[in-house]
């Protein structure tokens, strides 16, 4: 299965989701991430807290969703509210689309400890969703059932 995580700027939540999915899915899922308005760099705290969690960061970059037309994802997951309301490119047409709302830890203002906890909580939340996704016993070709199962993973 191929997943494309979308967030407007592709610098934190979608990047975290890509790295965590590729780390914990054991090859069952290939994940990429992109943005509608990428800023061109990964948030440095995303890199820091992924590395602290033992997750590879070498191949992460902030990219436009226009670069993924040939990737042909089975699933497109929006992880921020503004991306969920954007008009997606036509080539997403055959992909299942779901929204997994995630708070943006990079926007938190507070102590270093509070920011660290926000990143760690977001990483844990994504990890749990990925582990549930890997263990789903739903046929990806049954789009209705598969979309419902994916949406349940993103339920708060």
N, C-alpha and C. Protein backbone atom coordinates (compact mmCIF):
# COMPACT_ATOMS: atom_id res chain seq x y z
N UNK A 1 0.84 -1.16 0.00
CA UNK A 1 0.00 0.00 0.00
C UNK A 1 0.90 1.24 0.00
N UNK A 2 0.45 2.28 -0.69
CA UNK A 2 1.18 3.55 -0.74
C UNK A 2 0.30 4.65 -0.15
N UNK A 3 0.90 5.42 0.78
CA UNK A 3 0.19 6.52 1.43
C UNK A 3 0.94 7.82 1.17
N UNK A 4 0.17 8.86 0.88
CA UNK A 4 0.73 10.20 0.77
C UNK A 4 0.08 11.05 1.86
N UNK A 5 0.91 11.53 2.79
CA UNK A 5 0.43 12.41 3.85
C UNK A 5 0.54 13.86 3.36
N UNK A 6 -0.54 14.61 3.56
CA UNK A 6 -0.59 16.00 3.09
C UNK A 6 -0.79 16.94 4.26
N UNK A 7 0.02 17.98 4.29
CA UNK A 7 -0.16 19.11 5.21
C UNK A 7 0.25 20.35 4.42
N UNK A 8 -0.36 21.45 4.66
CA UNK A 8 -0.13 22.63 3.82
C UNK A 8 1.35 22.91 3.59
N UNK A 9 2.14 23.02 4.66
CA UNK A 9 3.54 23.43 4.51
C UNK A 9 4.54 22.29 4.45
N UNK A 10 4.11 21.07 4.73
CA UNK A 10 4.96 19.87 4.68
C UNK A 10 6.28 20.10 5.40
N UNK A 11 6.16 20.44 6.70
CA UNK A 11 7.38 20.66 7.47
C UNK A 11 7.34 20.00 8.84
N UNK A 12 6.14 19.57 9.29
CA UNK A 12 6.07 18.98 10.63
C UNK A 12 5.17 17.73 10.63
N UNK A 13 3.85 17.90 10.71
CA UNK A 13 2.96 16.75 10.89
C UNK A 13 3.02 15.72 9.77
N UNK A 14 3.03 16.17 8.53
CA UNK A 14 3.10 15.22 7.42
C UNK A 14 4.47 14.56 7.37
N UNK A 15 5.50 15.31 7.69
CA UNK A 15 6.86 14.76 7.75
C UNK A 15 6.96 13.70 8.85
N UNK A 16 6.44 14.04 10.04
CA UNK A 16 6.43 13.06 11.13
C UNK A 16 5.69 11.79 10.70
N UNK A 17 4.55 11.96 10.05
CA UNK A 17 3.74 10.81 9.62
C UNK A 17 4.48 9.95 8.61
N UNK A 18 5.14 10.56 7.66
CA UNK A 18 5.92 9.81 6.66
C UNK A 18 7.01 8.98 7.34
N UNK A 19 7.81 9.64 8.17
CA UNK A 19 8.94 8.94 8.80
C UNK A 19 8.47 7.82 9.72
N UNK A 20 7.46 8.09 10.51
CA UNK A 20 6.95 7.10 11.47
C UNK A 20 6.33 5.91 10.74
N UNK A 21 5.57 6.18 9.68
CA UNK A 21 4.96 5.10 8.90
C UNK A 21 6.03 4.20 8.29
N UNK A 22 7.01 4.81 7.65
CA UNK A 22 8.06 4.00 7.02
C UNK A 22 8.86 3.22 8.06
N UNK A 23 8.98 3.74 9.26
CA UNK A 23 9.73 3.06 10.32
C UNK A 23 8.95 1.87 10.89
N UNK A 24 7.67 2.07 11.15
CA UNK A 24 6.88 1.05 11.87
C UNK A 24 6.08 0.11 10.96
N UNK A 25 5.97 0.41 9.69
CA UNK A 25 5.13 -0.43 8.82
C UNK A 25 5.87 -1.65 8.27
N UNK A 26 7.16 -1.74 8.53
CA UNK A 26 7.94 -2.92 8.14
C UNK A 26 7.76 -3.29 6.67
N UNK A 27 7.74 -2.28 5.80
CA UNK A 27 7.64 -2.52 4.37
C UNK A 27 6.24 -2.79 3.85
N UNK A 28 5.25 -2.91 4.72
CA UNK A 28 3.87 -3.15 4.28
C UNK A 28 3.26 -1.89 3.67
N UNK A 29 3.81 -0.74 4.05
CA UNK A 29 3.31 0.55 3.55
C UNK A 29 4.52 1.37 3.13
N UNK A 30 4.39 2.04 1.98
CA UNK A 30 5.38 3.02 1.55
C UNK A 30 4.72 4.38 1.73
N UNK A 31 5.34 5.22 2.54
CA UNK A 31 4.77 6.52 2.84
C UNK A 31 5.65 7.64 2.29
N UNK A 32 4.99 8.66 1.79
CA UNK A 32 5.62 9.91 1.35
C UNK A 32 4.81 11.03 1.97
N UNK A 33 5.36 12.24 1.93
CA UNK A 33 4.60 13.39 2.40
C UNK A 33 4.83 14.56 1.46
N UNK A 34 3.84 15.46 1.46
CA UNK A 34 3.91 16.62 0.57
C UNK A 34 3.02 17.72 1.11
N UNK A 35 3.14 18.88 0.49
CA UNK A 35 2.31 20.01 0.89
C UNK A 35 1.78 20.76 -0.31
N UNK A 36 0.69 21.46 -0.11
CA UNK A 36 0.14 22.29 -1.18
C UNK A 36 0.96 23.57 -1.33
N UNK A 37 1.56 24.02 -0.23
CA UNK A 37 2.41 25.21 -0.22
C UNK A 37 3.65 24.90 0.63
N UNK A 38 4.50 23.97 0.17
CA UNK A 38 5.64 23.56 0.99
C UNK A 38 6.60 24.72 1.25
N UNK A 39 7.18 24.73 2.44
CA UNK A 39 8.11 25.79 2.79
C UNK A 39 9.54 25.47 2.36
N UNK A 40 9.77 24.24 1.92
CA UNK A 40 11.08 23.89 1.40
C UNK A 40 12.07 23.38 2.42
N UNK A 41 11.69 23.34 3.69
CA UNK A 41 12.57 22.77 4.71
C UNK A 41 11.75 22.09 5.80
N UNK A 42 12.33 21.04 6.33
CA UNK A 42 11.70 20.31 7.43
C UNK A 42 11.96 21.09 8.72
N UNK A 43 10.94 21.19 9.56
CA UNK A 43 11.11 21.89 10.83
C UNK A 43 12.21 21.19 11.63
N UNK A 44 13.19 21.94 12.14
CA UNK A 44 14.31 21.30 12.85
C UNK A 44 13.90 20.47 14.06
N UNK A 45 12.81 20.86 14.73
CA UNK A 45 12.37 20.06 15.87
C UNK A 45 11.74 18.74 15.43
N UNK A 46 11.18 18.70 14.23
CA UNK A 46 10.69 17.43 13.69
C UNK A 46 11.85 16.46 13.57
N UNK A 47 12.95 16.93 13.01
CA UNK A 47 14.15 16.10 12.86
C UNK A 47 14.67 15.68 14.24
N UNK A 48 14.78 16.63 15.15
CA UNK A 48 15.32 16.35 16.48
C UNK A 48 14.55 15.26 17.21
N UNK A 49 13.21 15.39 17.23
CA UNK A 49 12.43 14.44 18.02
C UNK A 49 12.24 13.10 17.31
N UNK A 50 12.27 13.08 15.99
CA UNK A 50 12.28 11.80 15.29
C UNK A 50 13.58 11.05 15.60
N UNK A 51 14.70 11.75 15.53
CA UNK A 51 15.98 11.11 15.82
C UNK A 51 16.03 10.61 17.26
N UNK A 52 15.50 11.40 18.19
CA UNK A 52 15.47 10.96 19.60
C UNK A 52 14.64 9.69 19.76
N UNK A 53 13.64 9.53 18.89
CA UNK A 53 12.79 8.34 18.94
C UNK A 53 13.40 7.17 18.16
N UNK A 54 14.57 7.38 17.58
CA UNK A 54 15.26 6.32 16.84
C UNK A 54 14.72 6.11 15.44
N UNK A 55 14.13 7.15 14.86
CA UNK A 55 13.52 7.06 13.54
C UNK A 55 14.39 7.82 12.54
N UNK A 56 14.68 7.18 11.41
CA UNK A 56 15.54 7.76 10.38
C UNK A 56 14.94 9.04 9.80
N UNK A 57 15.82 10.01 9.53
CA UNK A 57 15.38 11.30 8.99
C UNK A 57 16.13 11.68 7.71
N UNK A 58 17.03 10.84 7.27
CA UNK A 58 17.92 11.19 6.16
C UNK A 58 17.21 11.59 4.87
N UNK A 59 16.12 10.93 4.54
CA UNK A 59 15.46 11.17 3.26
C UNK A 59 14.29 12.13 3.34
N UNK A 60 14.11 12.82 4.44
CA UNK A 60 12.97 13.70 4.60
C UNK A 60 13.23 15.06 3.97
N UNK A 61 12.23 15.55 3.25
CA UNK A 61 12.32 16.90 2.67
C UNK A 61 10.92 17.45 2.47
N UNK A 62 10.82 18.76 2.49
CA UNK A 62 9.56 19.46 2.28
C UNK A 62 9.34 19.61 0.78
N UNK A 63 8.25 19.00 0.28
CA UNK A 63 8.03 18.94 -1.16
C UNK A 63 6.59 19.29 -1.51
N UNK A 64 6.39 19.67 -2.75
CA UNK A 64 5.05 19.96 -3.26
C UNK A 64 4.34 18.67 -3.65
N UNK A 65 3.03 18.69 -3.48
CA UNK A 65 2.26 17.51 -3.90
C UNK A 65 2.34 17.32 -5.40
N UNK A 66 2.72 18.35 -6.16
CA UNK A 66 2.86 18.23 -7.61
C UNK A 66 3.96 17.25 -7.99
N UNK A 67 4.89 16.99 -7.08
CA UNK A 67 6.00 16.08 -7.35
C UNK A 67 5.61 14.61 -7.23
N UNK A 68 4.36 14.32 -6.86
CA UNK A 68 3.97 12.95 -6.56
C UNK A 68 2.91 12.38 -7.49
N UNK A 69 2.72 12.98 -8.63
CA UNK A 69 1.71 12.48 -9.56
C UNK A 69 2.02 11.04 -9.98
N UNK A 70 3.29 10.71 -10.16
CA UNK A 70 3.66 9.36 -10.57
C UNK A 70 3.68 8.36 -9.41
N UNK A 71 3.61 8.83 -8.18
CA UNK A 71 3.61 7.97 -7.00
C UNK A 71 2.33 7.14 -6.91
N UNK A 72 1.22 7.71 -7.36
CA UNK A 72 -0.08 7.04 -7.37
C UNK A 72 -0.43 6.40 -6.02
N UNK A 73 -0.66 7.23 -5.01
CA UNK A 73 -0.97 6.67 -3.69
C UNK A 73 -2.32 5.96 -3.67
N UNK A 74 -2.40 4.92 -2.86
CA UNK A 74 -3.68 4.25 -2.62
C UNK A 74 -4.53 5.11 -1.69
N UNK A 75 -3.84 5.79 -0.77
CA UNK A 75 -4.51 6.59 0.24
C UNK A 75 -3.82 7.94 0.36
N UNK A 76 -4.62 9.00 0.44
CA UNK A 76 -4.12 10.35 0.73
C UNK A 76 -4.71 10.73 2.08
N UNK A 77 -3.82 11.03 3.04
CA UNK A 77 -4.24 11.38 4.39
C UNK A 77 -3.86 12.82 4.66
N UNK A 78 -4.86 13.67 4.88
CA UNK A 78 -4.57 15.03 5.30
C UNK A 78 -4.43 15.01 6.82
N UNK A 79 -3.42 15.73 7.30
CA UNK A 79 -3.16 15.72 8.74
C UNK A 79 -3.33 17.09 9.39
N UNK A 80 -3.66 18.10 8.59
CA UNK A 80 -3.95 19.42 9.17
C UNK A 80 -5.28 19.91 8.61
N UNK A 81 -5.99 20.70 9.40
CA UNK A 81 -7.33 21.13 9.00
C UNK A 81 -7.34 21.97 7.73
N UNK A 82 -6.34 22.81 7.53
CA UNK A 82 -6.36 23.63 6.32
C UNK A 82 -6.15 22.78 5.07
N UNK A 83 -5.32 21.74 5.16
CA UNK A 83 -5.13 20.85 4.00
C UNK A 83 -6.40 20.05 3.71
N UNK A 84 -7.15 19.71 4.75
CA UNK A 84 -8.37 18.93 4.56
C UNK A 84 -9.40 19.71 3.75
N UNK A 85 -9.36 21.03 3.82
CA UNK A 85 -10.36 21.83 3.12
C UNK A 85 -9.88 22.32 1.76
N UNK A 86 -8.64 22.00 1.38
CA UNK A 86 -8.12 22.44 0.09
C UNK A 86 -8.59 21.53 -1.03
N UNK A 87 -8.63 22.10 -2.23
CA UNK A 87 -8.95 21.30 -3.41
C UNK A 87 -7.70 20.53 -3.81
N UNK A 88 -7.82 19.22 -3.83
CA UNK A 88 -6.69 18.37 -4.16
C UNK A 88 -6.52 18.26 -5.68
N UNK A 89 -5.31 17.98 -6.14
CA UNK A 89 -5.10 17.81 -7.58
C UNK A 89 -5.97 16.68 -8.14
N UNK A 90 -6.33 16.79 -9.41
CA UNK A 90 -7.18 15.78 -10.05
C UNK A 90 -6.57 14.40 -10.00
N UNK A 91 -5.24 14.30 -10.03
CA UNK A 91 -4.62 12.98 -10.06
C UNK A 91 -4.80 12.22 -8.75
N UNK A 92 -5.32 12.87 -7.70
CA UNK A 92 -5.68 12.16 -6.47
C UNK A 92 -7.00 11.41 -6.66
N UNK A 93 -7.64 11.56 -7.79
CA UNK A 93 -8.99 11.07 -8.03
C UNK A 93 -9.24 9.62 -7.65
N UNK A 94 -8.31 8.73 -7.91
CA UNK A 94 -8.51 7.31 -7.62
C UNK A 94 -8.05 6.92 -6.22
N UNK A 95 -7.46 7.84 -5.50
CA UNK A 95 -6.96 7.55 -4.16
C UNK A 95 -8.08 7.75 -3.13
N UNK A 96 -8.07 6.90 -2.10
CA UNK A 96 -8.96 7.15 -0.97
C UNK A 96 -8.45 8.38 -0.24
N UNK A 97 -9.35 9.22 0.22
CA UNK A 97 -8.95 10.42 0.94
C UNK A 97 -9.57 10.40 2.33
N UNK A 98 -8.73 10.56 3.34
CA UNK A 98 -9.22 10.61 4.72
C UNK A 98 -8.48 11.73 5.44
N UNK A 99 -9.07 12.16 6.54
CA UNK A 99 -8.46 13.22 7.34
C UNK A 99 -8.15 12.69 8.74
N UNK A 100 -6.91 12.83 9.15
CA UNK A 100 -6.47 12.52 10.50
C UNK A 100 -6.00 13.82 11.12
N UNK A 101 -6.83 14.51 11.83
CA UNK A 101 -6.44 15.77 12.43
C UNK A 101 -5.36 15.56 13.49
N UNK A 102 -4.30 16.31 13.36
CA UNK A 102 -3.21 16.28 14.34
C UNK A 102 -2.89 17.71 14.76
N UNK A 103 -2.73 17.93 16.05
CA UNK A 103 -2.29 19.24 16.52
C UNK A 103 -0.85 19.47 16.04
N UNK A 104 -0.52 20.72 15.76
CA UNK A 104 0.81 21.05 15.25
C UNK A 104 1.75 21.39 16.41
N UNK A 105 2.65 20.47 16.78
CA UNK A 105 3.53 20.75 17.91
C UNK A 105 4.53 21.87 17.62
N UNK A 106 4.79 22.16 16.35
CA UNK A 106 5.76 23.20 16.02
C UNK A 106 5.21 24.60 16.27
N UNK A 107 3.91 24.72 16.48
CA UNK A 107 3.31 26.03 16.73
C UNK A 107 3.11 26.31 18.22
N UNK A 108 3.41 25.34 19.04
CA UNK A 108 3.24 25.51 20.48
C UNK A 108 4.26 26.51 21.02
N UNK A 109 3.79 27.39 21.86
CA UNK A 109 4.67 28.32 22.57
C UNK A 109 4.68 27.88 24.03
N UNK A 110 5.84 27.70 24.55
CA UNK A 110 5.95 27.26 25.94
C UNK A 110 7.38 26.92 26.26
N UNK A 111 7.56 26.22 27.35
CA UNK A 111 8.91 25.83 27.77
C UNK A 111 9.44 24.75 26.83
N UNK A 112 10.73 24.55 26.90
CA UNK A 112 11.35 23.49 26.10
C UNK A 112 10.73 22.13 26.44
N UNK A 113 10.44 21.91 27.71
CA UNK A 113 9.82 20.67 28.16
C UNK A 113 8.41 20.51 27.56
N UNK A 114 7.63 21.58 27.55
CA UNK A 114 6.27 21.52 26.99
C UNK A 114 6.32 21.23 25.49
N UNK A 115 7.25 21.84 24.80
CA UNK A 115 7.38 21.61 23.36
C UNK A 115 7.83 20.17 23.10
N UNK A 116 8.79 19.69 23.87
CA UNK A 116 9.25 18.30 23.73
C UNK A 116 8.10 17.33 23.94
N UNK A 117 7.29 17.57 24.97
CA UNK A 117 6.15 16.70 25.25
C UNK A 117 5.14 16.74 24.11
N UNK A 118 4.92 17.92 23.52
CA UNK A 118 3.98 18.03 22.40
C UNK A 118 4.46 17.21 21.21
N UNK A 119 5.74 17.30 20.89
CA UNK A 119 6.28 16.49 19.79
C UNK A 119 6.20 15.00 20.12
N UNK A 120 6.58 14.63 21.33
CA UNK A 120 6.55 13.22 21.73
C UNK A 120 5.12 12.67 21.70
N UNK A 121 4.15 13.47 22.12
CA UNK A 121 2.75 13.03 22.08
C UNK A 121 2.26 12.86 20.65
N UNK A 122 2.64 13.78 19.77
CA UNK A 122 2.24 13.66 18.36
C UNK A 122 2.88 12.44 17.73
N UNK A 123 4.15 12.21 18.01
CA UNK A 123 4.84 11.03 17.48
C UNK A 123 4.16 9.76 17.98
N UNK A 124 3.81 9.72 19.22
CA UNK A 124 3.14 8.53 19.78
C UNK A 124 1.76 8.33 19.15
N UNK A 125 1.03 9.40 18.95
CA UNK A 125 -0.30 9.31 18.34
C UNK A 125 -0.19 8.76 16.91
N UNK A 126 0.76 9.25 16.15
CA UNK A 126 0.96 8.75 14.78
C UNK A 126 1.39 7.29 14.82
N UNK A 127 2.32 6.95 15.72
CA UNK A 127 2.79 5.57 15.84
C UNK A 127 1.63 4.62 16.10
N UNK A 128 0.74 4.99 17.02
CA UNK A 128 -0.41 4.14 17.32
C UNK A 128 -1.31 3.96 16.10
N UNK A 129 -1.54 5.02 15.36
CA UNK A 129 -2.38 4.92 14.15
C UNK A 129 -1.73 4.03 13.12
N UNK A 130 -0.43 4.17 12.94
CA UNK A 130 0.28 3.33 11.96
C UNK A 130 0.23 1.87 12.37
N UNK A 131 0.44 1.59 13.64
CA UNK A 131 0.37 0.20 14.10
C UNK A 131 -1.03 -0.38 13.89
N UNK A 132 -2.05 0.43 14.11
CA UNK A 132 -3.42 -0.02 13.85
C UNK A 132 -3.64 -0.22 12.36
N UNK A 133 -3.11 0.67 11.55
CA UNK A 133 -3.25 0.58 10.10
C UNK A 133 -2.62 -0.70 9.58
N UNK A 134 -1.43 -1.01 10.05
CA UNK A 134 -0.73 -2.22 9.62
C UNK A 134 -1.53 -3.47 9.98
N UNK A 135 -2.24 -3.42 11.09
CA UNK A 135 -2.98 -4.60 11.54
C UNK A 135 -4.42 -4.67 11.02
N UNK A 136 -4.82 -3.72 10.17
CA UNK A 136 -6.18 -3.76 9.62
C UNK A 136 -6.39 -5.01 8.78
N UNK A 137 -7.56 -5.58 8.92
CA UNK A 137 -7.92 -6.74 8.10
C UNK A 137 -9.09 -6.37 7.22
N UNK A 138 -8.84 -5.36 6.38
CA UNK A 138 -9.87 -4.86 5.46
C UNK A 138 -9.27 -4.86 4.07
N UNK A 139 -10.03 -5.32 3.10
CA UNK A 139 -9.58 -5.36 1.72
C UNK A 139 -9.49 -3.94 1.17
N UNK A 140 -8.31 -3.56 0.71
CA UNK A 140 -8.12 -2.21 0.18
C UNK A 140 -9.00 -1.97 -1.05
N UNK A 141 -9.41 -3.04 -1.72
CA UNK A 141 -10.27 -2.90 -2.90
C UNK A 141 -11.73 -2.61 -2.53
N UNK A 142 -12.11 -2.86 -1.29
CA UNK A 142 -13.43 -2.51 -0.80
C UNK A 142 -13.32 -1.09 -0.24
N UNK A 143 -13.40 -0.11 -1.14
CA UNK A 143 -13.10 1.26 -0.77
C UNK A 143 -13.96 1.79 0.37
N UNK A 144 -15.22 1.44 0.41
CA UNK A 144 -16.09 1.92 1.48
C UNK A 144 -15.65 1.43 2.84
N UNK A 145 -15.40 0.13 2.95
CA UNK A 145 -14.97 -0.44 4.22
C UNK A 145 -13.58 0.04 4.60
N UNK A 146 -12.70 0.14 3.60
CA UNK A 146 -11.34 0.57 3.88
C UNK A 146 -11.31 2.03 4.33
N UNK A 147 -12.09 2.88 3.68
CA UNK A 147 -12.14 4.29 4.06
C UNK A 147 -12.72 4.44 5.47
N UNK A 148 -13.74 3.69 5.80
CA UNK A 148 -14.33 3.75 7.14
C UNK A 148 -13.30 3.32 8.19
N UNK A 149 -12.53 2.27 7.90
CA UNK A 149 -11.51 1.80 8.84
C UNK A 149 -10.42 2.85 9.02
N UNK A 150 -10.01 3.48 7.93
CA UNK A 150 -8.99 4.53 8.01
C UNK A 150 -9.49 5.73 8.80
N UNK A 151 -10.72 6.12 8.57
CA UNK A 151 -11.29 7.26 9.29
C UNK A 151 -11.36 6.99 10.79
N UNK A 152 -11.66 5.75 11.17
CA UNK A 152 -11.72 5.39 12.60
C UNK A 152 -10.35 5.54 13.25
N UNK A 153 -9.28 5.28 12.50
CA UNK A 153 -7.95 5.43 13.06
C UNK A 153 -7.65 6.89 13.39
N UNK A 154 -8.27 7.81 12.66
CA UNK A 154 -8.02 9.23 12.89
C UNK A 154 -8.98 9.85 13.88
N UNK A 155 -9.91 9.06 14.40
CA UNK A 155 -10.89 9.61 15.34
C UNK A 155 -10.20 10.00 16.64
N UNK A 156 -10.57 11.14 17.13
CA UNK A 156 -9.97 11.65 18.38
C UNK A 156 -10.66 11.01 19.57
